[in-house]
Amino acid sequence: MVLPIIILSVPLWHFQLKEYQKQRVITFISPEKDPLGRGYHSMQSRIAVGSGSLYGKGFTKGTQTQLRFLPEQTTDFIFSVLAEEWGFLGSVITISLYSFLVFNLLQVAGRIDDLFSFYVTIGTAALIFWHTFINIGMVIGVLPVVGITLAMLSYGGSSLVTTMWLLGMIAGFSSRRYLFS
């Protein structure tokens, strides 16, 4: 299985990928090659997460965030701020709350009879799960930086409005099932 991937990746790399795409892959694999350019976000994010330690530095006491070393700290890298200021414990609590939300959405989906409502609920659970997974993976350096927001925490109008709208619809679906029982 690995051999066909290697064989197909060589022509893909040379003929299909544009230069900026190649740079993005190289930066993901080794951000240290361009620490002041493309790798800056990823490196500063990992420094912020690591400096949080077990309990964090305290609210508004994070050096990476307060000294503006961490770019995009209110949008894409909000989890870095959280991990630096609240530490590993705050990060685990945040991930637990997202897991609780996704689990509850899946439970609501299991109780819904209407097919449209079921698909909206499952889609919302998947959206929140994947946004959380990708954003946290991006922040800690195991996934490439792609600009996915962290649902309900990142500053961003359209993402927040969409998530809240979907959760409001699901609350309506969940309460509506008791109307005609």
Protein backbone atom coordinates (compact mmCIF):
# COMPACT_ATOMS: atom_id res chain seq x y z
CA MET A 1 0.00 0.00 0.00
CA VAL A 2 2.88 2.36 0.74
CA LEU A 3 4.67 1.59 -2.55
CA PRO A 4 1.89 2.94 -4.84
CA ILE A 5 1.66 6.07 -2.70
CA ILE A 6 5.38 6.67 -3.04
CA ILE A 7 5.31 5.96 -6.78
CA LEU A 8 2.34 8.29 -7.36
CA SER A 9 3.66 11.05 -5.10
CA VAL A 10 6.77 11.69 -7.21
CA PRO A 11 4.95 12.82 -10.39
CA LEU A 12 2.32 14.56 -8.26
CA TRP A 13 5.04 16.56 -6.50
CA HIS A 14 6.81 17.57 -9.71
CA PHE A 15 3.92 18.16 -12.10
CA GLN A 16 0.69 18.78 -10.17
CA LEU A 17 1.59 20.80 -7.09
CA LYS A 18 2.17 24.51 -7.40
CA GLU A 19 5.11 26.11 -5.62
CA TYR A 20 3.07 27.48 -2.71
CA GLN A 21 1.58 24.01 -2.15
CA LYS A 22 5.05 22.48 -2.05
CA GLN A 23 6.14 25.12 0.45
CA ARG A 24 3.12 24.37 2.64
CA VAL A 25 4.01 20.65 2.72
CA ILE A 26 7.68 21.41 3.48
CA THR A 27 6.66 23.84 6.24
CA PHE A 28 4.36 21.24 7.79
CA ILE A 29 7.08 18.60 7.80
CA SER A 30 9.80 20.94 9.06
CA PRO A 31 8.70 24.40 10.24
CA GLU A 32 12.23 25.03 11.55
CA LYS A 33 13.46 25.55 7.95
CA ASP A 34 11.68 28.91 7.82
CA PRO A 35 11.25 30.00 11.46
CA LEU A 36 10.55 33.66 10.66
CA GLY A 37 8.35 33.03 7.64
CA ARG A 38 5.97 30.19 6.92
CA GLY A 39 6.90 28.13 10.00
CA TYR A 40 6.44 31.01 12.45
CA HIS A 41 2.79 30.33 13.33
CA SER A 42 3.33 26.65 13.98
CA MET A 43 6.47 27.12 16.04
CA GLN A 44 5.05 29.91 18.22
CA SER A 45 1.89 27.91 18.76
CA ARG A 46 3.82 24.89 19.99
CA ILE A 47 5.91 27.09 22.28
CA ALA A 48 2.72 28.58 23.75
CA VAL A 49 1.11 25.18 24.30
CA GLY A 50 4.26 23.74 25.86
CA SER A 51 4.86 26.70 28.15
CA GLY A 52 1.42 26.25 29.69
CA SER A 53 2.65 23.27 31.70
CA LEU A 54 0.14 21.49 33.93
CA TYR A 55 -1.84 24.40 35.41
CA GLY A 56 -0.93 27.21 33.01
CA LYS A 57 0.46 30.66 33.62
CA GLY A 58 -2.84 32.20 34.64
CA PHE A 59 -5.45 34.33 32.93
CA THR A 60 -3.77 37.03 30.78
CA LYS A 61 -0.34 35.97 32.07
CA GLY A 62 0.83 34.03 29.00
CA THR A 63 4.04 35.43 27.57
CA GLN A 64 3.49 34.23 24.00
CA THR A 65 0.07 35.82 23.81
CA GLN A 66 0.61 38.99 25.83
CA LEU A 67 3.87 39.85 24.07
CA ARG A 68 2.20 39.18 20.67
CA PHE A 69 4.56 36.40 19.62
CA LEU A 70 1.56 34.26 18.74
CA PRO A 71 -0.19 35.59 15.64
CA GLU A 72 -3.91 35.06 15.01
CA GLN A 73 -4.42 34.38 18.69
CA THR A 74 -8.12 35.22 18.69
CA THR A 75 -9.03 33.20 15.61
CA ASP A 76 -7.12 30.15 14.41
CA PHE A 77 -4.80 29.77 17.41
CA ILE A 78 -7.21 30.40 20.28
CA PHE A 79 -6.47 26.96 21.70
CA SER A 80 -2.79 27.96 22.05
CA VAL A 81 -3.86 30.87 24.24
CA LEU A 82 -6.08 28.57 26.29
CA ALA A 83 -3.34 25.97 26.70
CA GLU A 84 -0.76 28.58 27.71
CA GLU A 85 -2.95 30.38 30.22
CA TRP A 86 -4.90 27.41 31.65
CA GLY A 87 -2.38 24.63 31.02
CA PHE A 88 -2.91 20.96 30.38
CA LEU A 89 -5.76 20.83 32.86
CA GLY A 90 -7.69 23.60 31.08
CA SER A 91 -7.02 21.94 27.74
CA VAL A 92 -8.38 18.62 28.97
CA ILE A 93 -11.47 20.33 30.37
CA THR A 94 -12.06 22.12 27.05
CA ILE A 95 -11.66 18.92 25.04
CA SER A 96 -13.97 17.14 27.49
CA LEU A 97 -16.64 19.81 27.01
CA TYR A 98 -16.43 19.47 23.23
CA SER A 99 -16.64 15.68 23.58
CA PHE A 100 -19.68 16.04 25.84
CA LEU A 101 -21.35 18.32 23.28
CA VAL A 102 -20.70 15.95 20.37
CA PHE A 103 -21.84 12.95 22.44
CA ASN A 104 -25.08 14.74 23.37
CA LEU A 105 -25.68 15.71 19.74
CA LEU A 106 -25.31 12.06 18.76
CA GLN A 107 -27.76 11.07 21.50
CA VAL A 108 -30.28 13.62 20.22
CA ALA A 109 -29.79 12.26 16.69
CA GLY A 110 -30.59 8.77 17.95
CA ARG A 111 -33.95 9.95 19.31
CA ILE A 112 -35.07 11.90 16.23
CA ASP A 113 -37.56 10.30 13.81
CA ASP A 114 -37.49 12.94 11.06
CA LEU A 115 -34.80 12.20 8.45
CA PHE A 116 -33.96 15.87 7.75
CA SER A 117 -33.55 16.63 11.46
CA PHE A 118 -31.41 13.52 11.88
CA TYR A 119 -29.05 14.56 9.06
CA VAL A 120 -28.76 18.13 10.36
CA THR A 121 -27.94 16.84 13.84
CA ILE A 122 -25.38 14.30 12.62
CA GLY A 123 -23.86 16.93 10.32
CA THR A 124 -23.58 19.42 13.16
CA ALA A 125 -21.94 16.84 15.41
CA ALA A 126 -19.48 16.01 12.61
CA LEU A 127 -18.81 19.70 11.94
CA ILE A 128 -18.03 20.44 15.58
CA PHE A 129 -15.95 17.27 15.97
CA TRP A 130 -13.84 17.85 12.85
CA HIS A 131 -13.37 21.57 13.47
CA THR A 132 -12.19 20.80 17.00
CA PHE A 133 -9.97 17.92 15.88
CA ILE A 134 -8.36 19.86 13.03
CA ASN A 135 -7.90 23.08 15.01
CA ILE A 136 -6.29 21.38 18.01
CA GLY A 137 -4.15 19.18 15.74
CA MET A 138 -3.06 22.28 13.84
CA VAL A 139 -2.20 24.13 17.05
CA ILE A 140 -0.07 21.34 18.51
CA GLY A 141 1.70 20.71 15.21
CA VAL A 142 0.41 17.30 14.16
CA LEU A 143 -1.71 18.70 11.31
CA PRO A 144 -0.86 21.46 8.84
CA VAL A 145 -2.03 25.02 9.48
CA VAL A 146 -5.22 25.38 7.43
CA GLY A 147 -7.22 28.13 9.12
CA ILE A 148 -10.07 26.16 10.69
CA THR A 149 -11.71 27.91 13.63
CA LEU A 150 -12.42 26.34 17.00
CA ALA A 151 -16.20 26.23 17.28
CA MET A 152 -17.69 28.73 19.74
CA LEU A 153 -14.27 29.90 20.98
CA SER A 154 -12.56 31.49 17.99
CA TYR A 155 -13.37 35.06 17.13
CA GLY A 156 -15.16 34.91 13.82
CA GLY A 157 -18.64 35.95 12.89
CA SER A 158 -19.71 33.45 10.24
CA SER A 159 -18.41 30.37 12.06
CA LEU A 160 -19.99 31.38 15.36
CA VAL A 161 -23.31 32.37 13.78
CA THR A 162 -23.50 29.14 11.78
CA THR A 163 -22.68 26.93 14.77
CA MET A 164 -25.18 28.71 17.03
CA TRP A 165 -27.85 28.59 14.32
CA LEU A 166 -27.33 24.84 13.90
CA LEU A 167 -27.41 24.23 17.66
CA GLY A 168 -30.60 26.28 17.90
CA MET A 169 -32.18 24.18 15.15
CA ILE A 170 -31.18 21.02 16.98
CA ALA A 171 -32.66 22.34 20.23
CA GLY A 172 -35.90 22.85 18.30
CA PHE A 173 -35.72 19.35 16.82
CA SER A 174 -35.12 17.88 20.25
CA SER A 175 -37.99 19.70 21.94
CA ARG A 176 -40.42 19.23 19.03
CA ARG A 177 -40.40 15.46 19.34
CA TYR A 178 -42.44 15.74 22.56
CA LEU A 179 -45.22 17.87 21.01
CA PHE A 180 -47.27 15.10 19.40
CA SER A 181 -46.32 12.05 21.48
